[in-house]
Amino acid sequence: MNSMLSNVQNYQGLLAKQTGLENSDFATAHSANFSQLLSNAINGLNNNVNAMEQGTAGLISGTNNDLGKTMVQMTEAQLSVQTAVQVRNKVLDAYNDIKNMQF
């Protein structure tokens, strides 16, 4: 069993050298980029929902008479939320697939 683990680790090391991924700075830099990308996506979703809420509140109170713009904001917010839910579902599916793998 130990020899098999040793072989796998050696193979991983060779793959890392061949692909240039042996440097931990690469993984650190890309994980920071992923974190920033995820944060930007969530902030964009939040901005779309807030714009829709403000437009709807303005339409209800009478301060905003642009029904077309409000409808566009509602559609954008709806699509943003649906996209976020689908991305979340795909991430959870991938996590569950990895969790259920047998080594």
PDB file of N, CA and C in Angstrom:
ATOM      1  N   MET A   1       0.824  -1.193   0.000  1.00  0.00           N
ATOM      2  CA  MET A   1       0.000   0.000   0.000  1.00  0.00           C
ATOM      3  C   MET A   1       0.868   1.256   0.000  1.00  0.00           C
ATOM      4  N   ASN A   2       1.922   1.244   0.807  1.00  0.00           N
ATOM      5  CA  ASN A   2       2.814   2.403   0.867  1.00  0.00           C
ATOM      6  C   ASN A   2       3.521   2.628  -0.459  1.00  0.00           C
ATOM      7  N   SER A   3       3.866   1.537  -1.137  1.00  0.00           N
ATOM      8  CA  SER A   3       4.543   1.700  -2.425  1.00  0.00           C
ATOM      9  C   SER A   3       3.593   2.302  -3.460  1.00  0.00           C
ATOM     10  N   MET A   4       2.313   1.940  -3.380  1.00  0.00           N
ATOM     11  CA  MET A   4       1.344   2.512  -4.311  1.00  0.00           C
ATOM     12  C   MET A   4       1.188   4.006  -4.050  1.00  0.00           C
ATOM     13  N   LEU A   5       1.117   4.384  -2.784  1.00  0.00           N
ATOM     14  CA  LEU A   5       1.009   5.794  -2.422  1.00  0.00           C
ATOM     15  C   LEU A   5       2.250   6.554  -2.870  1.00  0.00           C
ATOM     16  N   SER A   6       3.389   5.948  -2.695  1.00  0.00           N
ATOM     17  CA  SER A   6       4.640   6.559  -3.125  1.00  0.00           C
ATOM     18  C   SER A   6       4.662   6.743  -4.639  1.00  0.00           C
ATOM     19  N   ASN A   7       4.177   5.748  -5.373  1.00  0.00           N
ATOM     20  CA  ASN A   7       4.118   5.855  -6.838  1.00  0.00           C
ATOM     21  C   ASN A   7       3.188   6.982  -7.272  1.00  0.00           C
ATOM     22  N   VAL A   8       2.045   7.098  -6.612  1.00  0.00           N
ATOM     23  CA  VAL A   8       1.095   8.161  -6.942  1.00  0.00           C
ATOM     24  C   VAL A   8       1.712   9.527  -6.664  1.00  0.00           C
ATOM     25  N   GLN A   9       2.394   9.660  -5.537  1.00  0.00           N
ATOM     26  CA  GLN A   9       3.022  10.937  -5.206  1.00  0.00           C
ATOM     27  C   GLN A   9       4.135  11.283  -6.190  1.00  0.00           C
ATOM     28  N   ASN A  10       4.903  10.278  -6.604  1.00  0.00           N
ATOM     29  CA  ASN A  10       5.943  10.519  -7.607  1.00  0.00           C
ATOM     30  C   ASN A  10       5.326  10.959  -8.930  1.00  0.00           C
ATOM     31  N   TYR A  11       4.238  10.310  -9.300  1.00  0.00           N
ATOM     32  CA  TYR A  11       3.542  10.659 -10.540  1.00  0.00           C
ATOM     33  C   TYR A  11       3.001  12.086 -10.473  1.00  0.00           C
ATOM     34  N   GLN A  12       2.442  12.446  -9.325  1.00  0.00           N
ATOM     35  CA  GLN A  12       1.938  13.812  -9.161  1.00  0.00           C
ATOM     36  C   GLN A  12       3.071  14.826  -9.274  1.00  0.00           C
ATOM     37  N   GLY A  13       4.212  14.493  -8.705  1.00  0.00           N
ATOM     38  CA  GLY A  13       5.367  15.376  -8.795  1.00  0.00           C
ATOM     39  C   GLY A  13       5.834  15.561 -10.226  1.00  0.00           C
ATOM     40  N   LEU A  14       5.863  14.459 -10.984  1.00  0.00           N
ATOM     41  CA  LEU A  14       6.254  14.538 -12.393  1.00  0.00           C
ATOM     42  C   LEU A  14       5.260  15.370 -13.201  1.00  0.00           C
ATOM     43  N   LEU A  15       3.977  15.168 -12.935  1.00  0.00           N
ATOM     44  CA  LEU A  15       2.962  15.961 -13.630  1.00  0.00           C
ATOM     45  C   LEU A  15       3.100  17.441 -13.303  1.00  0.00           C
ATOM     46  N   ALA A  16       3.375  17.736 -12.046  1.00  0.00           N
ATOM     47  CA  ALA A  16       3.527  19.134 -11.639  1.00  0.00           C
ATOM     48  C   ALA A  16       4.717  19.775 -12.345  1.00  0.00           C
ATOM     49  N   LYS A  17       5.807  19.028 -12.477  1.00  0.00           N
ATOM     50  CA  LYS A  17       6.983  19.565 -13.171  1.00  0.00           C
ATOM     51  C   LYS A  17       6.699  19.782 -14.651  1.00  0.00           C
ATOM     52  N   GLN A  18       6.012  18.818 -15.262  1.00  0.00           N
ATOM     53  CA  GLN A  18       5.736  18.922 -16.695  1.00  0.00           C
ATOM     54  C   GLN A  18       4.773  20.060 -17.013  1.00  0.00           C
ATOM     55  N   THR A  19       3.828  20.290 -16.141  1.00  0.00           N
ATOM     56  CA  THR A  19       2.842  21.340 -16.396  1.00  0.00           C
ATOM     57  C   THR A  19       3.272  22.686 -15.836  1.00  0.00           C
ATOM     58  N   GLY A  20       4.351  22.715 -15.083  1.00  0.00           N
ATOM     59  CA  GLY A  20       4.818  23.961 -14.505  1.00  0.00           C
ATOM     60  C   GLY A  20       4.037  24.374 -13.274  1.00  0.00           C
ATOM     61  N   LEU A  21       3.323  23.443 -12.660  1.00  0.00           N
ATOM     62  CA  LEU A  21       2.491  23.770 -11.502  1.00  0.00           C
ATOM     63  C   LEU A  21       3.154  23.417 -10.178  1.00  0.00           C
ATOM     64  N   GLU A  22       4.439  23.149 -10.213  1.00  0.00           N
ATOM     65  CA  GLU A  22       5.096  22.759  -8.974  1.00  0.00           C
ATOM     66  C   GLU A  22       5.327  23.935  -8.034  1.00  0.00           C
ATOM     67  N   ASN A  23       5.234  25.129  -8.538  1.00  0.00           N
ATOM     68  CA  ASN A  23       5.441  26.312  -7.721  1.00  0.00           C
ATOM     69  C   ASN A  23       4.148  26.655  -6.990  1.00  0.00           C
ATOM     70  N   SER A  24       4.194  26.747  -5.684  1.00  0.00           N
ATOM     71  CA  SER A  24       2.985  27.025  -4.907  1.00  0.00           C
ATOM     72  C   SER A  24       2.483  28.454  -5.114  1.00  0.00           C
ATOM     73  N   ASP A  25       3.345  29.359  -5.597  1.00  0.00           N
ATOM     74  CA  ASP A  25       2.914  30.731  -5.868  1.00  0.00           C
ATOM     75  C   ASP A  25       1.841  30.760  -6.952  1.00  0.00           C
ATOM     76  N   PHE A  26       1.938  29.837  -7.904  1.00  0.00           N
ATOM     77  CA  PHE A  26       0.950  29.754  -8.984  1.00  0.00           C
ATOM     78  C   PHE A  26      -0.426  29.478  -8.404  1.00  0.00           C
ATOM     79  N   ALA A  27      -0.517  28.488  -7.539  1.00  0.00           N
ATOM     80  CA  ALA A  27      -1.810  28.134  -6.948  1.00  0.00           C
ATOM     81  C   ALA A  27      -2.330  29.264  -6.070  1.00  0.00           C
ATOM     82  N   THR A  28      -1.459  29.900  -5.327  1.00  0.00           N
ATOM     83  CA  THR A  28      -1.874  30.995  -4.456  1.00  0.00           C
ATOM     84  C   THR A  28      -2.413  32.166  -5.274  1.00  0.00           C
ATOM     85  N   ALA A  29      -1.722  32.511  -6.342  1.00  0.00           N
ATOM     86  CA  ALA A  29      -2.164  33.630  -7.180  1.00  0.00           C
ATOM     87  C   ALA A  29      -3.498  33.326  -7.839  1.00  0.00           C
ATOM     88  N   HIS A  30      -3.674  32.101  -8.317  1.00  0.00           N
ATOM     89  CA  HIS A  30      -4.918  31.760  -8.995  1.00  0.00           C
ATOM     90  C   HIS A  30      -6.073  31.600  -8.019  1.00  0.00           C
ATOM     91  N   SER A  31      -5.798  31.150  -6.809  1.00  0.00           N
ATOM     92  CA  SER A  31      -6.889  31.054  -5.839  1.00  0.00           C
ATOM     93  C   SER A  31      -7.356  32.451  -5.435  1.00  0.00           C
ATOM     94  N   ALA A  32      -6.429  33.399  -5.368  1.00  0.00           N
ATOM     95  CA  ALA A  32      -6.823  34.777  -5.070  1.00  0.00           C
ATOM     96  C   ALA A  32      -7.661  35.337  -6.217  1.00  0.00           C
ATOM     97  N   ASN A  33      -7.295  34.998  -7.452  1.00  0.00           N
ATOM     98  CA  ASN A  33      -8.073  35.458  -8.598  1.00  0.00           C
ATOM     99  C   ASN A  33      -9.468  34.861  -8.575  1.00  0.00           C
ATOM    100  N   PHE A  34      -9.583  33.590  -8.226  1.00  0.00           N
ATOM    101  CA  PHE A  34     -10.891  32.948  -8.159  1.00  0.00           C
ATOM    102  C   PHE A  34     -11.732  33.594  -7.069  1.00  0.00           C
ATOM    103  N   SER A  35     -11.117  33.864  -5.941  1.00  0.00           N
ATOM    104  CA  SER A  35     -11.827  34.513  -4.841  1.00  0.00           C
ATOM    105  C   SER A  35     -12.332  35.888  -5.269  1.00  0.00           C
ATOM    106  N   GLN A  36     -11.498  36.636  -5.958  1.00  0.00           N
ATOM    107  CA  GLN A  36     -11.893  37.963  -6.429  1.00  0.00           C
ATOM    108  C   GLN A  36     -12.995  37.854  -7.476  1.00  0.00           C
ATOM    109  N   LEU A  37     -12.892  36.874  -8.362  1.00  0.00           N
ATOM    110  CA  LEU A  37     -13.908  36.668  -9.393  1.00  0.00           C
ATOM    111  C   LEU A  37     -15.254  36.334  -8.764  1.00  0.00           C
ATOM    112  N   LEU A  38     -15.243  35.462  -7.782  1.00  0.00           N
ATOM    113  CA  LEU A  38     -16.473  35.086  -7.090  1.00  0.00           C
ATOM    114  C   LEU A  38     -17.066  36.282  -6.348  1.00  0.00           C
ATOM    115  N   SER A  39     -16.222  37.049  -5.698  1.00  0.00           N
ATOM    116  CA  SER A  39     -16.681  38.239  -4.980  1.00  0.00           C
ATOM    117  C   SER A  39     -17.299  39.255  -5.938  1.00  0.00           C
ATOM    118  N   ASN A  40     -16.671  39.457  -7.094  1.00  0.00           N
ATOM    119  CA  ASN A  40     -17.212  40.393  -8.088  1.00  0.00           C
ATOM    120  C   ASN A  40     -18.560  39.922  -8.617  1.00  0.00           C
ATOM    121  N   ALA A  41     -18.698  38.621  -8.834  1.00  0.00           N
ATOM    122  CA  ALA A  41     -19.967  38.082  -9.338  1.00  0.00           C
ATOM    123  C   ALA A  41     -21.083  38.281  -8.319  1.00  0.00           C
ATOM    124  N   ILE A  42     -20.783  38.041  -7.063  1.00  0.00           N
ATOM    125  CA  ILE A  42     -21.795  38.212  -6.014  1.00  0.00           C
ATOM    126  C   ILE A  42     -22.162  39.687  -5.860  1.00  0.00           C
ATOM    127  N   ASN A  43     -21.170  40.562  -5.943  1.00  0.00           N
ATOM    128  CA  ASN A  43     -21.456  42.003  -5.862  1.00  0.00           C
ATOM    129  C   ASN A  43     -22.306  42.463  -7.045  1.00  0.00           C
ATOM    130  N   GLY A  44     -22.035  41.941  -8.235  1.00  0.00           N
ATOM    131  CA  GLY A  44     -22.845  42.280  -9.403  1.00  0.00           C
ATOM    132  C   GLY A  44     -24.280  41.823  -9.246  1.00  0.00           C
ATOM    133  N   LEU A  45     -24.457  40.630  -8.706  1.00  0.00           N
ATOM    134  CA  LEU A  45     -25.802  40.115  -8.438  1.00  0.00           C
ATOM    135  C   LEU A  45     -26.525  41.016  -7.447  1.00  0.00           C
ATOM    136  N   ASN A  46     -25.835  41.386  -6.396  1.00  0.00           N
ATOM    137  CA  ASN A  46     -26.417  42.260  -5.379  1.00  0.00           C
ATOM    138  C   ASN A  46     -26.795  43.620  -5.972  1.00  0.00           C
ATOM    139  N   ASN A  47     -25.937  44.165  -6.835  1.00  0.00           N
ATOM    140  CA  ASN A  47     -26.238  45.455  -7.469  1.00  0.00           C
ATOM    141  C   ASN A  47     -27.477  45.365  -8.357  1.00  0.00           C
ATOM    142  N   ASN A  48     -27.609  44.258  -9.106  1.00  0.00           N
ATOM    143  CA  ASN A  48     -28.793  44.085  -9.965  1.00  0.00           C
ATOM    144  C   ASN A  48     -30.071  44.010  -9.139  1.00  0.00           C
ATOM    145  N   VAL A  49     -30.021  43.271  -8.048  1.00  0.00           N
ATOM    146  CA  VAL A  49     -31.207  43.132  -7.196  1.00  0.00           C
ATOM    147  C   VAL A  49     -31.544  44.467  -6.536  1.00  0.00           C
ATOM    148  N   ASN A  50     -30.529  45.194  -6.064  1.00  0.00           N
ATOM    149  CA  ASN A  50     -30.777  46.503  -5.446  1.00  0.00           C
ATOM    150  C   ASN A  50     -31.371  47.494  -6.443  1.00  0.00           C
ATOM    151  N   ALA A  51     -30.861  47.507  -7.681  1.00  0.00           N
ATOM    152  CA  ALA A  51     -31.404  48.410  -8.704  1.00  0.00           C
ATOM    153  C   ALA A  51     -32.856  48.066  -8.996  1.00  0.00           C
ATOM    154  N   MET A  52     -33.160  46.781  -9.051  1.00  0.00           N
ATOM    155  CA  MET A  52     -34.540  46.352  -9.287  1.00  0.00           C
ATOM    156  C   MET A  52     -35.443  46.778  -8.139  1.00  0.00           C
ATOM    157  N   GLU A  53     -34.974  46.623  -6.904  1.00  0.00           N
ATOM    158  CA  GLU A  53     -35.780  47.016  -5.745  1.00  0.00           C
ATOM    159  C   GLU A  53     -36.031  48.522  -5.729  1.00  0.00           C
ATOM    160  N   GLN A  54     -35.006  49.307  -6.045  1.00  0.00           N
ATOM    161  CA  GLN A  54     -35.168  50.762  -6.073  1.00  0.00           C
ATOM    162  C   GLN A  54     -36.128  51.190  -7.179  1.00  0.00           C
ATOM    163  N   GLY A  55     -35.996  50.563  -8.341  1.00  0.00           N
ATOM    164  CA  GLY A  55     -36.899  50.890  -9.442  1.00  0.00           C
ATOM    165  C   GLY A  55     -38.334  50.527  -9.132  1.00  0.00           C
ATOM    166  N   THR A  56     -38.526  49.371  -8.514  1.00  0.00           N
ATOM    167  CA  THR A  56     -39.876  48.939  -8.150  1.00  0.00           C
ATOM    168  C   THR A  56     -40.465  49.848  -7.076  1.00  0.00           C
ATOM    169  N   ALA A  57     -39.660  50.189  -6.079  1.00  0.00           N
ATOM    170  CA  ALA A  57     -40.142  51.079  -5.017  1.00  0.00           C
ATOM    171  C   ALA A  57     -40.489  52.451  -5.588  1.00  0.00           C
ATOM    172  N   GLY A  58     -39.675  52.941  -6.515  1.00  0.00           N
ATOM    173  CA  GLY A  58     -39.965  54.226  -7.143  1.00  0.00           C
ATOM    174  C   GLY A  58     -41.227  54.179  -7.980  1.00  0.00           C
ATOM    175  N   LEU A  59     -41.452  53.062  -8.638  1.00  0.00           N
ATOM    176  CA  LEU A  59     -42.659  52.909  -9.453  1.00  0.00           C
ATOM    177  C   LEU A  59     -43.902  52.862  -8.575  1.00  0.00           C
ATOM    178  N   ILE A  60     -43.804  52.166  -7.458  1.00  0.00           N
ATOM    179  CA  ILE A  60     -44.945  52.063  -6.538  1.00  0.00           C
ATOM    180  C   ILE A  60     -45.241  53.410  -5.885  1.00  0.00           C
ATOM    181  N   SER A  61     -44.184  54.125  -5.486  1.00  0.00           N
ATOM    182  CA  SER A  61     -44.389  55.407  -4.802  1.00  0.00           C
ATOM    183  C   SER A  61     -44.736  56.545  -5.763  1.00  0.00           C
ATOM    184  N   GLY A  62     -44.524  56.333  -7.050  1.00  0.00           N
ATOM    185  CA  GLY A  62     -44.852  57.364  -8.027  1.00  0.00           C
ATOM    186  C   GLY A  62     -43.697  58.270  -8.386  1.00  0.00           C
ATOM    187  N   THR A  63     -42.522  58.073  -7.777  1.00  0.00           N
ATOM    188  CA  THR A  63     -41.370  58.916  -8.102  1.00  0.00           C
ATOM    189  C   THR A  63     -40.700  58.482  -9.402  1.00  0.00           C
ATOM    190  N   ASN A  64     -40.970  57.265  -9.834  1.00  0.00           N
ATOM    191  CA  ASN A  64     -40.396  56.735 -11.065  1.00  0.00           C
ATOM    192  C   ASN A  64     -41.547  56.345 -11.988  1.00  0.00           C
ATOM    193  N   ASN A  65     -41.609  56.949 -13.161  1.00  0.00           N
ATOM    194  CA  ASN A  65     -42.690  56.652 -14.096  1.00  0.00           C
ATOM    195  C   ASN A  65     -42.233  55.784 -15.262  1.00  0.00           C
ATOM    196  N   ASP A  66     -40.990  55.293 -15.219  1.00  0.00           N
ATOM    197  CA  ASP A  66     -40.439  54.520 -16.336  1.00  0.00           C
ATOM    198  C   ASP A  66     -40.672  53.028 -16.108  1.00  0.00           C
ATOM    199  N   LEU A  67     -41.823  52.547 -16.546  1.00  0.00           N
ATOM    200  CA  LEU A  67     -42.180  51.141 -16.372  1.00  0.00           C
ATOM    201  C   LEU A  67     -41.248  50.234 -17.168  1.00  0.00           C
ATOM    202  N   GLY A  68     -40.869  50.658 -18.360  1.00  0.00           N
ATOM    203  CA  GLY A  68     -39.991  49.845 -19.207  1.00  0.00           C
ATOM    204  C   GLY A  68     -38.645  49.586 -18.554  1.00  0.00           C
ATOM    205  N   LYS A  69     -38.053  50.644 -17.991  1.00  0.00           N
ATOM    206  CA  LYS A  69     -36.753  50.498 -17.327  1.00  0.00           C
ATOM    207  C   LYS A  69     -36.875  49.586 -16.110  1.00  0.00           C
ATOM    208  N   THR A  70     -37.952  49.729 -15.373  1.00  0.00           N
ATOM    209  CA  THR A  70     -38.170  48.886 -14.196  1.00  0.00           C
ATOM    210  C   THR A  70     -38.333  47.423 -14.601  1.00  0.00           C
ATOM    211  N   MET A  71     -39.040  47.176 -15.684  1.00  0.00           N
ATOM    212  CA  MET A  71     -39.217  45.801 -16.158  1.00  0.00           C
ATOM    213  C   MET A  71     -37.884  45.197 -16.603  1.00  0.00           C
ATOM    214  N   VAL A  72     -37.045  46.005 -17.263  1.00  0.00           N
ATOM    215  CA  VAL A  72     -35.721  45.531 -17.671  1.00  0.00           C
ATOM    216  C   VAL A  72     -34.886  45.203 -16.439  1.00  0.00           C
ATOM    217  N   GLN A  73     -34.937  46.064 -15.417  1.00  0.00           N
ATOM    218  CA  GLN A  73     -34.202  45.807 -14.180  1.00  0.00           C
ATOM    219  C   GLN A  73     -34.687  44.527 -13.508  1.00  0.00           C
ATOM    220  N   MET A  74     -35.986  44.305 -13.523  1.00  0.00           N
ATOM    221  CA  MET A  74     -36.539  43.090 -12.923  1.00  0.00           C
ATOM    222  C   MET A  74     -36.063  41.853 -13.683  1.00  0.00           C
ATOM    223  N   THR A  75     -36.044  41.931 -14.998  1.00  0.00           N
ATOM    224  CA  THR A  75     -35.592  40.799 -15.805  1.00  0.00           C
ATOM    225  C   THR A  75     -34.108  40.535 -15.593  1.00  0.00           C
ATOM    226  N   GLU A  76     -33.298  41.593 -15.539  1.00  0.00           N
ATOM    227  CA  GLU A  76     -31.864  41.431 -15.286  1.00  0.00           C
ATOM    228  C   GLU A  76     -31.619  40.793 -13.926  1.00  0.00           C
ATOM    229  N   ALA A  77     -32.338  41.253 -12.917  1.00  0.00           N
ATOM    230  CA  ALA A  77     -32.181  40.695 -11.576  1.00  0.00           C
ATOM    231  C   ALA A  77     -32.607  39.231 -11.551  1.00  0.00           C
ATOM    232  N   GLN A  78     -33.708  38.921 -12.219  1.00  0.00           N
ATOM    233  CA  GLN A  78     -34.192  37.546 -12.261  1.00  0.00           C
ATOM    234  C   GLN A  78     -33.169  36.631 -12.942  1.00  0.00           C
ATOM    235  N   LEU A  79     -32.618  37.070 -14.068  1.00  0.00           N
ATOM    236  CA  LEU A  79     -31.623  36.264 -14.770  1.00  0.00           C
ATOM    237  C   LEU A  79     -30.345  36.110 -13.951  1.00  0.00           C
ATOM    238  N   SER A  80     -29.952  37.155 -13.245  1.00  0.00           N
ATOM    239  CA  SER A  80     -28.759  37.082 -12.395  1.00  0.00           C
ATOM    240  C   SER A  80     -28.943  36.064 -11.283  1.00  0.00           C
ATOM    241  N   VAL A  81     -30.102  36.087 -10.650  1.00  0.00           N
ATOM    242  CA  VAL A  81     -30.370  35.145  -9.560  1.00  0.00           C
ATOM    243  C   VAL A  81     -30.440  33.719 -10.098  1.00  0.00           C
ATOM    244  N   GLN A  82     -31.104  33.517 -11.234  1.00  0.00           N
ATOM    245  CA  GLN A  82     -31.192  32.180 -11.815  1.00  0.00           C
ATOM    246  C   GLN A  82     -29.812  31.650 -12.195  1.00  0.00           C
ATOM    247  N   THR A  83     -28.966  32.512 -12.744  1.00  0.00           N
ATOM    248  CA  THR A  83     -27.611  32.102 -13.095  1.00  0.00           C
ATOM    249  C   THR A  83     -26.823  31.729 -11.849  1.00  0.00           C
ATOM    250  N   ALA A  84     -26.932  32.528 -10.800  1.00  0.00           N
ATOM    251  CA  ALA A  84     -26.223  32.234  -9.552  1.00  0.00           C
ATOM    252  C   ALA A  84     -26.685  30.908  -8.961  1.00  0.00           C
ATOM    253  N   VAL A  85     -27.968  30.632  -9.015  1.00  0.00           N
ATOM    254  CA  VAL A  85     -28.492  29.368  -8.488  1.00  0.00           C
ATOM    255  C   VAL A  85     -27.956  28.193  -9.303  1.00  0.00           C
ATOM    256  N   GLN A  86     -27.910  28.324 -10.620  1.00  0.00           N
ATOM    257  CA  GLN A  86     -27.405  27.238 -11.461  1.00  0.00           C
ATOM    258  C   GLN A  86     -25.908  27.007 -11.234  1.00  0.00           C
ATOM    259  N   VAL A  87     -25.146  28.081 -11.066  1.00  0.00           N
ATOM    260  CA  VAL A  87     -23.716  27.936 -10.771  1.00  0.00           C
ATOM    261  C   VAL A  87     -23.536  27.247  -9.425  1.00  0.00           C
ATOM    262  N   ARG A  88     -24.327  27.658  -8.437  1.00  0.00           N
ATOM    263  CA  ARG A  88     -24.267  27.008  -7.128  1.00  0.00           C
ATOM    264  C   ARG A  88     -24.580  25.526  -7.246  1.00  0.00           C
ATOM    265  N   ASN A  89     -25.603  25.174  -8.021  1.00  0.00           N
ATOM    266  CA  ASN A  89     -25.970  23.771  -8.195  1.00  0.00           C
ATOM    267  C   ASN A  89     -24.836  22.976  -8.834  1.00  0.00           C
ATOM    268  N   LYS A  90     -24.185  23.549  -9.831  1.00  0.00           N
ATOM    269  CA  LYS A  90     -23.069  22.862 -10.495  1.00  0.00           C
ATOM    270  C   LYS A  90     -21.896  22.681  -9.536  1.00  0.00           C
ATOM    271  N   VAL A  91     -21.616  23.689  -8.728  1.00  0.00           N
ATOM    272  CA  VAL A  91     -20.525  23.580  -7.755  1.00  0.00           C
ATOM    273  C   VAL A  91     -20.841  22.498  -6.731  1.00  0.00           C
ATOM    274  N   LEU A  92     -22.074  22.457  -6.257  1.00  0.00           N
ATOM    275  CA  LEU A  92     -22.458  21.425  -5.292  1.00  0.00           C
ATOM    276  C   LEU A  92     -22.407  20.036  -5.910  1.00  0.00           C
ATOM    277  N   ASP A  93     -22.820  19.904  -7.167  1.00  0.00           N
ATOM    278  CA  ASP A  93     -22.728  18.612  -7.852  1.00  0.00           C
ATOM    279  C   ASP A  93     -21.275  18.166  -7.973  1.00  0.00           C
ATOM    280  N   ALA A  94     -20.392  19.093  -8.335  1.00  0.00           N
ATOM    281  CA  ALA A  94     -18.973  18.762  -8.448  1.00  0.00           C
ATOM    282  C   ALA A  94     -18.403  18.377  -7.090  1.00  0.00           C
ATOM    283  N   TYR A  95     -18.775  19.110  -6.053  1.00  0.00           N
ATOM    284  CA  TYR A  95     -18.317  18.787  -4.702  1.00  0.00           C
ATOM    285  C   TYR A  95     -18.781  17.393  -4.293  1.00  0.00           C
ATOM    286  N   ASN A  96     -20.047  17.086  -4.550  1.00  0.00           N
ATOM    287  CA  ASN A  96     -20.567  15.764  -4.191  1.00  0.00           C
ATOM    288  C   ASN A  96     -19.895  14.664  -4.995  1.00  0.00           C
ATOM    289  N   ASP A  97     -19.598  14.912  -6.267  1.00  0.00           N
ATOM    290  CA  ASP A  97     -18.885  13.923  -7.073  1.00  0.00           C
ATOM    291  C   ASP A  97     -17.500  13.653  -6.499  1.00  0.00           C
ATOM    292  N   ILE A  98     -16.807  14.713  -6.118  1.00  0.00           N
ATOM    293  CA  ILE A  98     -15.470  14.551  -5.535  1.00  0.00           C
ATOM    294  C   ILE A  98     -15.563  13.842  -4.190  1.00  0.00           C
ATOM    295  N   LYS A  99     -16.563  14.212  -3.398  1.00  0.00           N
ATOM    296  CA  LYS A  99     -16.740  13.602  -2.079  1.00  0.00           C
ATOM    297  C   LYS A  99     -17.016  12.102  -2.192  1.00  0.00           C
ATOM    298  N   ASN A 100     -17.730  11.698  -3.229  1.00  0.00           N
ATOM    299  CA  ASN A 100     -18.103  10.296  -3.388  1.00  0.00           C
ATOM    300  C   ASN A 100     -17.055   9.461  -4.113  1.00  0.00           C
ATOM    301  N   MET A 101     -15.973  10.085  -4.542  1.00  0.00           N
ATOM    302  CA  MET A 101     -14.916   9.323  -5.217  1.00  0.00           C
ATOM    303  C   MET A 101     -14.257   8.380  -4.228  1.00  0.00           C
ATOM    304  N   GLN A 102     -13.891   7.231  -4.740  1.00  0.00           N
ATOM    305  CA  GLN A 102     -13.175   6.264  -3.912  1.00  0.00           C
ATOM    306  C   GLN A 102     -11.739   6.196  -4.405  1.00  0.00           C
ATOM    307  N   PHE A 103     -10.816   6.355  -3.482  1.00  0.00           N
ATOM    308  CA  PHE A 103      -9.402   6.319  -3.844  1.00  0.00           C
ATOM    309  C   PHE A 103      -8.831   4.976  -3.556  1.00  0.00           C
TER     310      PHE A 103
END
